[in-house]
């Protein structure tokens, strides 16, 4: 994480030409790919994960690092009170395998369904098909770390891993677990996946701009660049973390989710679901709008998302919206779809720990509809106590988190007579 954080604060982009498939004739030829993933990153049995999809490998490597750094390995937590909650998305057919099956089922230009089924049964790998289920990463982490408690996977478009982290915190607050592995992983750097996104007109086709194609809140933004990756954090009930002497990096003090209930394809033009989420998150955290020091925006670099998110922030925060720095780290790592919220939650943790806000890079042209402080191009040092992290999903799903600097002396926000189940990260 240290290298990633350094790259973010220095404004370095991970966007470049697509190498995972031949995109030479594709309208979109750039992405933010994860490079240099080593077998050793998977732990002592790294070779066993090579047959799994990229999102599972991202989840495993992230969780191995999180468990190692947190010290919550074997014996540190009751297995029955240790769970997993991830936000991992769909896996797409491998065209190199699926294409021949389809071609062999064509008879005089007609598709022979029976022949396709015969070929598929004879040649498909059942284990691989099982591994392609979106819930498999959460199952794999349970088996890898002996987590026998609650186990869930959430698919809520781009809000998935934020929803998973918030849901994991709620499980702890209800007393159903002492610790949870929470986060998400995904890869849509795939010809079928990117074809669908391109048809939705949300991807930038400014291939010649390379890293500069991803430009959230900029007046010349033209869509997002697909990213990929994974992030997993250890969430733990505060007293449990204290008892084992854990290093507490921050506190997950607030969470809310909601839906625009407007259109399947569009965010509500006034951002009503998001405004409600912000207000509920602040209420749960016991904070006012004046307490928020930084906002990590969803900031996808599409014309409508950035405009509506800006409008919703102004509705939720009033005049304070102009005071609070807002930046989009997607400008550097692309849009990692279901994994983006978990990646950005870690940015929030690092911001409260270091007092450094990553910039929104490639910001050059002012958009009158986007008139907040987007921390353009250069990181900024500030006193950072509470960070709001936003996720706005396709179809109207919204989820928000507040990460706070951990303070041993801060008062409980729990009602008298109720257990104080603060959630450490």
Protein backbone atom coordinates (compact mmCIF):
# COMPACT_ATOMS: atom_id res chain seq x y z
CA UNK A 1 0.00 0.00 0.00
CA UNK A 2 2.90 2.37 0.65
CA UNK A 3 3.86 2.44 -3.02
CA UNK A 4 0.24 2.93 -4.14
CA UNK A 5 -0.22 5.78 -1.69
CA UNK A 6 2.99 7.44 -2.84
CA UNK A 7 1.86 7.19 -6.47
CA UNK A 8 -1.54 8.69 -5.65
CA UNK A 9 -0.18 11.59 -3.65
CA UNK A 10 2.39 12.29 -6.39
CA UNK A 11 -0.35 12.32 -9.03
CA UNK A 12 0.93 9.35 -11.04
CA UNK A 13 -1.49 7.61 -13.37
CA UNK A 14 -1.75 3.85 -13.86
CA UNK A 15 -3.54 4.21 -17.21
CA UNK A 16 -1.93 2.90 -20.38
CA UNK A 17 -2.51 0.70 -23.44
CA UNK A 18 -4.54 -2.47 -22.91
CA UNK A 19 -2.38 -5.60 -22.80
CA UNK A 20 -4.83 -8.22 -21.47
CA UNK A 21 -6.43 -8.64 -24.92
CA UNK A 22 -5.84 -7.40 -28.44
CA UNK A 23 -7.63 -4.04 -28.49
CA UNK A 24 -6.04 -2.76 -31.70
CA UNK A 25 -9.40 -2.70 -33.54
CA UNK A 26 -11.47 -1.78 -30.49
CA UNK A 27 -12.79 1.79 -30.03
CA UNK A 28 -11.34 1.85 -26.50
CA UNK A 29 -7.66 0.89 -26.29
CA UNK A 30 -6.63 2.14 -22.83
CA UNK A 31 -7.24 0.89 -19.30
CA UNK A 32 -5.70 0.95 -15.82
CA UNK A 33 -4.44 -2.63 -15.56
CA UNK A 34 -2.86 -4.23 -12.51
CA UNK A 35 0.66 -5.19 -13.50
CA UNK A 36 3.34 -7.21 -11.80
CA UNK A 37 1.07 -9.45 -9.70
CA UNK A 38 3.46 -12.09 -8.42
CA UNK A 39 2.58 -15.66 -7.43
CA UNK A 40 4.30 -15.05 -4.09
CA UNK A 41 1.72 -12.36 -3.30
CA UNK A 42 -0.92 -15.07 -2.86
CA UNK A 43 0.78 -16.61 0.15
CA UNK A 44 2.47 -20.01 0.60
CA UNK A 45 0.19 -21.80 -1.88
CA UNK A 46 0.24 -19.17 -4.60
CA UNK A 47 0.18 -21.61 -7.49
CA UNK A 48 -3.27 -22.82 -6.41
CA UNK A 49 -4.83 -19.46 -7.32
CA UNK A 50 -3.59 -19.24 -10.90
CA UNK A 51 -6.67 -21.05 -12.24
CA UNK A 52 -8.99 -18.49 -10.64
CA UNK A 53 -10.30 -15.32 -12.35
CA UNK A 54 -8.42 -12.07 -11.86
CA UNK A 55 -10.92 -10.68 -9.37
CA UNK A 56 -10.45 -13.67 -7.06
CA UNK A 57 -6.68 -13.28 -7.29
CA UNK A 58 -7.03 -9.57 -6.47
CA UNK A 59 -9.23 -10.39 -3.46
CA UNK A 60 -6.84 -13.08 -2.19
CA UNK A 61 -3.69 -10.96 -2.48
CA UNK A 62 -5.43 -8.00 -0.82
CA UNK A 63 -6.72 -10.15 2.03
CA UNK A 64 -3.35 -11.85 2.57
CA UNK A 65 -1.77 -8.41 3.00
CA UNK A 66 -4.58 -7.16 5.25
CA UNK A 67 -4.46 -10.18 7.55
CA UNK A 68 -0.68 -10.12 7.71
CA UNK A 69 -0.51 -6.40 8.56
CA UNK A 70 -3.39 -6.52 11.05
CA UNK A 71 -2.05 -9.51 12.97
CA UNK A 72 -5.48 -11.13 13.00
CA UNK A 73 -4.19 -14.50 11.91
CA UNK A 74 -4.80 -17.90 13.48
CA UNK A 75 -5.82 -17.74 17.14
CA UNK A 76 -6.45 -13.97 17.19
CA UNK A 77 -10.22 -14.26 16.71
CA UNK A 78 -12.89 -16.91 17.30
CA UNK A 79 -13.46 -18.48 13.83
CA UNK A 80 -17.23 -18.51 14.42
CA UNK A 81 -17.13 -14.74 14.97
CA UNK A 82 -14.90 -13.96 11.99
CA UNK A 83 -16.68 -13.27 8.70
CA UNK A 84 -16.26 -12.04 5.13
CA UNK A 85 -18.31 -9.48 3.19
CA UNK A 86 -17.15 -8.56 -0.32
CA UNK A 87 -18.42 -6.62 -3.30
CA UNK A 88 -17.32 -8.62 -6.33
CA UNK A 89 -18.99 -8.49 -9.74
CA UNK A 90 -19.71 -10.72 -12.69
CA UNK A 91 -17.10 -12.77 -14.53
CA UNK A 92 -17.16 -12.75 -18.32
CA UNK A 93 -16.77 -15.65 -20.72
CA UNK A 94 -13.28 -16.28 -22.01
CA UNK A 95 -13.81 -15.63 -25.73
CA UNK A 96 -10.88 -17.86 -26.69
CA UNK A 97 -12.87 -20.79 -25.27
CA UNK A 98 -16.44 -19.62 -25.84
CA UNK A 99 -15.91 -18.54 -29.46
CA UNK A 100 -14.97 -21.99 -30.82
CA UNK A 101 -17.95 -23.58 -29.02
CA UNK A 102 -20.27 -21.12 -30.76
CA UNK A 103 -18.56 -21.56 -34.15
CA UNK A 104 -18.83 -25.34 -33.99
CA UNK A 105 -22.56 -25.08 -33.32
CA UNK A 106 -23.27 -23.13 -36.54
CA UNK A 107 -24.93 -25.16 -39.28
CA UNK A 108 -25.50 -23.36 -42.60
CA UNK A 109 -25.69 -20.05 -40.82
CA UNK A 110 -28.12 -21.35 -38.16
CA UNK A 111 -27.29 -21.89 -34.50
CA UNK A 112 -27.65 -25.53 -33.42
CA UNK A 113 -28.43 -25.34 -29.71
CA UNK A 114 -28.14 -29.08 -29.14
CA UNK A 115 -24.71 -29.20 -30.74
CA UNK A 116 -23.60 -26.27 -28.60
CA UNK A 117 -24.73 -28.06 -25.43
CA UNK A 118 -22.94 -31.26 -26.45
CA UNK A 119 -19.72 -29.36 -27.12
CA UNK A 120 -20.00 -27.33 -23.93
CA UNK A 121 -20.52 -30.42 -21.76
CA UNK A 122 -17.64 -32.23 -23.43
CA UNK A 123 -15.11 -29.41 -23.40
CA UNK A 124 -15.99 -27.04 -20.56
CA UNK A 125 -14.10 -27.14 -17.28
CA UNK A 126 -16.62 -27.49 -14.45
CA UNK A 127 -14.18 -26.29 -11.82
CA UNK A 128 -13.43 -23.17 -13.83
CA UNK A 129 -17.15 -22.44 -14.27
CA UNK A 130 -17.64 -22.78 -10.52
CA UNK A 131 -14.74 -20.40 -9.89
CA UNK A 132 -16.43 -17.81 -12.11
CA UNK A 133 -19.33 -17.29 -9.69
CA UNK A 134 -19.20 -13.77 -8.16
CA UNK A 135 -19.49 -15.15 -4.62
CA UNK A 136 -16.42 -17.39 -4.97
CA UNK A 137 -13.89 -14.79 -3.72
CA UNK A 138 -15.73 -14.50 -0.40
CA UNK A 139 -15.85 -18.29 -0.09
CA UNK A 140 -12.16 -18.54 -0.91
CA UNK A 141 -11.23 -16.03 1.78
CA UNK A 142 -13.35 -17.90 4.33
CA UNK A 143 -11.50 -21.12 3.60
CA UNK A 144 -8.10 -19.47 3.44
CA UNK A 145 -8.42 -17.79 6.85
CA UNK A 146 -10.86 -20.12 8.63
CA UNK A 147 -13.55 -17.42 8.80
CA UNK A 148 -16.65 -19.40 9.77
CA UNK A 149 -18.88 -16.43 10.56
CA UNK A 150 -21.18 -14.43 8.23
CA UNK A 151 -20.21 -14.72 4.57
CA UNK A 152 -21.75 -12.51 1.90
CA UNK A 153 -21.13 -10.92 -1.48
CA UNK A 154 -22.89 -7.80 -2.69
CA UNK A 155 -23.46 -6.78 -6.30
CA UNK A 156 -24.71 -3.20 -6.37
CA UNK A 157 -22.84 -1.95 -9.43
CA UNK A 158 -20.20 0.65 -8.60
CA UNK A 159 -21.40 0.89 -4.99
CA UNK A 160 -20.79 -2.82 -4.29
CA UNK A 161 -17.68 -2.77 -2.13
CA UNK A 162 -18.75 0.36 -0.24
CA UNK A 163 -22.02 -1.43 0.53
CA UNK A 164 -20.02 -4.51 1.59
CA UNK A 165 -17.78 -2.55 3.96
CA UNK A 166 -20.73 -0.74 5.49
CA UNK A 167 -22.68 -3.97 5.79
CA UNK A 168 -19.74 -5.67 7.48
CA UNK A 169 -19.55 -2.84 10.01
CA UNK A 170 -23.26 -3.23 10.73
CA UNK A 171 -22.77 -6.96 11.37
CA UNK A 172 -20.14 -6.09 13.97
CA UNK A 173 -22.32 -3.38 15.51
CA UNK A 174 -25.19 -5.86 15.86
CA UNK A 175 -22.88 -8.17 17.80
CA UNK A 176 -22.90 -10.96 15.20
CA UNK A 177 -19.12 -10.92 14.63
CA UNK A 178 -15.97 -9.58 16.24
CA UNK A 179 -14.08 -9.09 12.99
CA UNK A 180 -14.82 -9.05 9.27
CA UNK A 181 -12.74 -9.09 6.12
CA UNK A 182 -14.49 -6.51 3.96
CA UNK A 183 -13.87 -4.96 0.57
CA UNK A 184 -14.14 -5.95 -3.05
CA UNK A 185 -12.42 -6.87 -6.29
CA UNK A 186 -13.22 -6.80 -9.98
CA UNK A 187 -11.81 -6.69 -13.48
CA UNK A 188 -13.76 -5.47 -16.49
CA UNK A 189 -10.67 -5.18 -18.69
CA UNK A 190 -12.30 -7.71 -20.98
CA UNK A 191 -13.63 -7.38 -24.54
CA UNK A 192 -17.18 -8.40 -23.65
CA UNK A 193 -17.34 -6.23 -20.54
CA UNK A 194 -15.86 -3.18 -22.23
CA UNK A 195 -18.14 -3.63 -25.25
CA UNK A 196 -21.14 -3.32 -22.97
CA UNK A 197 -19.78 -0.24 -21.25
CA UNK A 198 -18.93 1.32 -24.61
CA UNK A 199 -22.50 0.78 -25.80
CA UNK A 200 -23.66 2.69 -22.71
CA UNK A 201 -21.51 5.63 -23.92
CA UNK A 202 -19.69 5.93 -20.60
CA UNK A 203 -16.13 5.13 -21.72
CA UNK A 204 -13.64 7.67 -22.99
CA UNK A 205 -12.44 6.98 -26.53
CA UNK A 206 -9.66 9.58 -26.26
CA UNK A 207 -7.06 6.84 -26.69
CA UNK A 208 -4.41 9.24 -27.93
CA UNK A 209 -4.57 11.14 -24.63
CA UNK A 210 -3.56 8.04 -22.70
CA UNK A 211 -3.41 8.81 -18.96
CA UNK A 212 -4.95 12.24 -19.59
CA UNK A 213 -8.19 10.69 -20.90
CA UNK A 214 -9.51 10.26 -17.34
CA UNK A 215 -10.32 13.81 -16.20
CA UNK A 216 -13.04 14.01 -13.52
CA UNK A 217 -14.88 17.33 -13.16
CA UNK A 218 -12.91 18.83 -16.05
CA UNK A 219 -14.88 20.76 -18.66
CA UNK A 220 -13.60 18.50 -21.45
CA UNK A 221 -14.19 15.14 -19.76
CA UNK A 222 -15.57 12.50 -22.10
CA UNK A 223 -16.08 9.37 -20.03
CA UNK A 224 -14.13 7.05 -17.78
CA UNK A 225 -11.25 4.66 -18.27
CA UNK A 226 -11.80 1.12 -16.96
CA UNK A 227 -9.61 0.10 -14.04
CA UNK A 228 -9.30 -3.13 -12.10
CA UNK A 229 -8.02 -4.32 -8.75
CA UNK A 230 -9.02 -5.25 -5.25
CA UNK A 231 -8.90 -3.98 -1.71
CA UNK A 232 -9.70 -5.78 1.54
CA UNK A 233 -9.62 -4.31 5.04
CA UNK A 234 -9.96 -5.86 8.49
CA UNK A 235 -12.87 -4.35 10.38
CA UNK A 236 -12.96 -5.16 14.07
CA UNK A 237 -15.04 -4.38 17.12
CA UNK A 238 -13.06 -1.80 19.06
CA UNK A 239 -12.73 -3.64 22.37
CA UNK A 240 -11.73 -6.82 20.54
CA UNK A 241 -8.99 -4.91 18.71
CA UNK A 242 -7.78 -3.30 21.93
CA UNK A 243 -7.68 -6.64 23.74
CA UNK A 244 -5.29 -8.16 21.22
CA UNK A 245 -3.15 -5.02 20.99
CA UNK A 246 -3.99 -4.27 17.35
CA UNK A 247 -2.78 -1.13 15.62
CA UNK A 248 -5.95 0.83 14.87
CA UNK A 249 -5.64 2.77 11.61
CA UNK A 250 -8.98 4.55 11.77
CA UNK A 251 -12.62 4.31 12.77
CA UNK A 252 -15.51 3.57 10.44
CA UNK A 253 -17.86 6.01 12.11
CA UNK A 254 -20.73 6.27 9.63
CA UNK A 255 -22.41 4.40 6.79
CA UNK A 256 -25.61 4.64 4.80
CA UNK A 257 -26.99 3.30 1.55
CA UNK A 258 -30.05 4.10 -0.51
CA UNK A 259 -31.49 4.12 -3.98
CA UNK A 260 -32.65 6.84 -6.34
CA UNK A 261 -35.61 4.68 -7.48
CA UNK A 262 -35.66 6.78 -10.63
CA UNK A 263 -34.52 4.93 -13.75
CA UNK A 264 -32.60 1.71 -14.33
CA UNK A 265 -29.96 3.50 -16.38
CA UNK A 266 -29.80 6.98 -14.83
CA UNK A 267 -29.02 8.72 -11.57
CA UNK A 268 -31.75 11.04 -10.35
CA UNK A 269 -30.96 14.50 -11.81
CA UNK A 270 -31.01 16.05 -8.34
CA UNK A 271 -29.06 13.19 -6.75
CA UNK A 272 -31.81 12.59 -4.20
CA UNK A 273 -30.60 9.14 -3.12
CA UNK A 274 -27.07 10.37 -2.61
CA UNK A 275 -28.19 13.43 -0.61
CA UNK A 276 -30.18 11.14 1.69
CA UNK A 277 -27.13 8.87 2.12
CA UNK A 278 -24.88 11.75 3.13
CA UNK A 279 -27.36 12.99 5.72
CA UNK A 280 -27.87 9.51 7.18
CA UNK A 281 -24.13 8.83 7.28
CA UNK A 282 -23.47 12.07 9.16
CA UNK A 283 -26.30 11.23 11.56
CA UNK A 284 -24.89 7.78 12.31
CA UNK A 285 -21.43 9.25 12.85
CA UNK A 286 -22.80 11.96 15.12
CA UNK A 287 -21.25 14.66 12.93
CA UNK A 288 -22.30 17.92 11.33
CA UNK A 289 -21.44 19.10 7.83
CA UNK A 290 -18.84 21.38 9.41
CA UNK A 291 -16.94 18.35 10.73
CA UNK A 292 -16.11 16.83 7.33
CA UNK A 293 -12.59 17.75 6.20
CA UNK A 294 -12.32 15.95 2.86
CA UNK A 295 -14.56 14.13 0.39
CA UNK A 296 -13.30 11.34 -1.84
CA UNK A 297 -15.76 11.69 -4.70
CA UNK A 298 -17.16 8.98 -6.93
CA UNK A 299 -15.90 11.27 -9.72
CA UNK A 300 -16.17 9.05 -12.80
CA UNK A 301 -15.28 11.63 -15.48
CA UNK A 302 -18.63 11.23 -17.23
CA UNK A 303 -20.52 14.42 -18.01
CA UNK A 304 -23.64 13.58 -16.00
CA UNK A 305 -22.10 11.81 -12.99
CA UNK A 306 -19.74 14.64 -12.13
CA UNK A 307 -22.42 17.27 -12.66
CA UNK A 308 -25.02 15.47 -10.53
CA UNK A 309 -22.52 14.56 -7.81
CA UNK A 310 -21.47 18.20 -7.56
CA UNK A 311 -25.09 19.34 -7.36
CA UNK A 312 -25.87 16.71 -4.71
CA UNK A 313 -22.86 17.73 -2.62
CA UNK A 314 -24.08 21.32 -2.63
CA UNK A 315 -27.53 20.18 -1.53
CA UNK A 316 -26.15 17.96 1.23
CA UNK A 317 -23.50 20.36 2.57
CA UNK A 318 -24.90 23.77 1.70
CA UNK A 319 -22.28 26.52 1.78
CA UNK A 320 -19.78 24.10 3.33
CA UNK A 321 -19.56 22.29 -0.01
CA UNK A 322 -17.34 25.12 -1.24
CA UNK A 323 -15.09 24.82 1.81
CA UNK A 324 -14.44 21.06 1.70
CA UNK A 325 -11.75 19.70 -0.67
CA UNK A 326 -13.19 17.10 -3.06
CA UNK A 327 -10.99 14.86 -5.18
CA UNK A 328 -11.34 11.82 -7.41
CA UNK A 329 -8.57 9.23 -7.22
CA UNK A 330 -10.19 7.53 -10.21
CA UNK A 331 -8.31 10.12 -12.25
CA UNK A 332 -5.21 7.99 -11.58
CA UNK A 333 -6.45 4.42 -11.11
CA UNK A 334 -9.43 4.42 -13.44
CA UNK A 335 -12.87 3.13 -12.52
CA UNK A 336 -12.53 -0.28 -10.88
CA UNK A 337 -16.33 -0.81 -10.91
CA UNK A 338 -17.42 -3.01 -7.99
CA UNK A 339 -13.99 -2.64 -6.33
CA UNK A 340 -13.77 1.15 -6.47
CA UNK A 341 -15.43 1.85 -3.10
CA UNK A 342 -13.02 -0.37 -1.17
CA UNK A 343 -10.01 1.21 -2.87
CA UNK A 344 -11.35 4.66 -2.01
CA UNK A 345 -12.09 3.68 1.60
CA UNK A 346 -8.39 2.92 2.00
CA UNK A 347 -7.62 6.36 0.54
CA UNK A 348 -9.87 7.81 3.26
CA UNK A 349 -7.97 5.90 5.95
CA UNK A 350 -4.63 7.13 4.62
CA UNK A 351 -5.90 10.71 4.44
CA UNK A 352 -6.83 10.80 8.14
CA UNK A 353 -3.53 9.14 9.07
CA UNK A 354 -1.23 11.29 6.98
CA UNK A 355 -3.11 14.57 6.57
CA UNK A 356 -2.48 14.40 2.81
CA UNK A 357 -5.24 14.61 0.20
CA UNK A 358 -4.55 13.03 -3.21
CA UNK A 359 -5.28 15.29 -6.18
CA UNK A 360 -7.68 15.09 -9.09
CA UNK A 361 -5.18 14.97 -11.94
CA UNK A 362 -5.80 16.13 -15.53
CA UNK A 363 -7.98 18.99 -14.31
CA UNK A 364 -7.46 21.88 -16.73
CA UNK A 365 -10.76 23.31 -18.02
CA UNK A 366 -13.37 24.81 -15.69
CA UNK A 367 -16.94 23.52 -15.98
CA UNK A 368 -19.49 25.98 -14.57
CA UNK A 369 -21.63 23.03 -13.46
CA UNK A 370 -18.68 21.65 -11.45
CA UNK A 371 -17.53 24.56 -9.32
CA UNK A 372 -16.18 23.01 -6.12
CA UNK A 373 -12.59 22.62 -4.90
CA UNK A 374 -11.43 19.46 -6.68
CA UNK A 375 -7.80 19.61 -5.45
CA UNK A 376 -6.54 20.05 -9.01
CA UNK A 377 -3.35 18.24 -10.03
CA UNK A 378 -1.38 18.62 -6.79
CA UNK A 379 -1.81 16.88 -3.44
CA UNK A 380 -2.60 19.01 -0.42
CA UNK A 381 -1.78 18.77 3.28
CA UNK A 382 -4.58 19.59 5.71
CA UNK A 383 -5.78 18.72 9.21
CA UNK A 384 -7.96 15.73 8.34
CA UNK A 385 -10.21 14.23 11.03
CA UNK A 386 -13.25 12.96 9.11
CA UNK A 387 -13.41 11.84 5.46
CA UNK A 388 -16.53 11.08 3.45
CA UNK A 389 -16.17 8.45 0.70
CA UNK A 390 -18.85 8.32 -2.02
CA UNK A 391 -20.05 5.55 -4.32
CA UNK A 392 -22.79 6.05 -6.89
CA UNK A 393 -23.72 2.93 -8.84
CA UNK A 394 -25.31 2.44 -12.25
CA UNK A 395 -29.06 2.23 -11.85
CA UNK A 396 -29.25 4.57 -8.87
CA UNK A 397 -27.52 2.70 -6.03
CA UNK A 398 -25.77 4.98 -3.54
CA UNK A 399 -23.53 4.23 -0.57
CA UNK A 400 -21.38 6.48 1.59
CA UNK A 401 -18.86 5.93 4.39
CA UNK A 402 -17.22 8.22 6.91
CA UNK A 403 -13.75 7.28 8.09
CA UNK A 404 -12.57 9.15 11.19
CA UNK A 405 -9.21 9.52 12.84
CA UNK A 406 -9.22 7.14 15.79
CA UNK A 407 -9.23 8.87 19.15
CA UNK A 408 -9.15 6.82 22.35
CA UNK A 409 -10.74 9.69 24.22
CA UNK A 410 -13.63 10.32 21.83
CA UNK A 411 -17.02 9.77 23.48
CA UNK A 412 -19.31 6.90 22.62
CA UNK A 413 -22.10 7.69 20.15
CA UNK A 414 -24.13 4.74 21.44
CA UNK A 415 -27.34 5.29 23.37
CA UNK A 416 -27.17 4.64 27.13
CA UNK A 417 -27.68 0.99 28.01
CA UNK A 418 -26.51 -0.23 24.59
CA UNK A 419 -23.11 -1.87 23.99
CA UNK A 420 -20.49 0.48 22.55
CA UNK A 421 -19.60 -1.36 19.34
CA UNK A 422 -17.36 1.13 17.59
CA UNK A 423 -15.75 -0.31 14.48
CA UNK A 424 -11.98 -0.10 14.06
CA UNK A 425 -10.27 -0.44 10.72
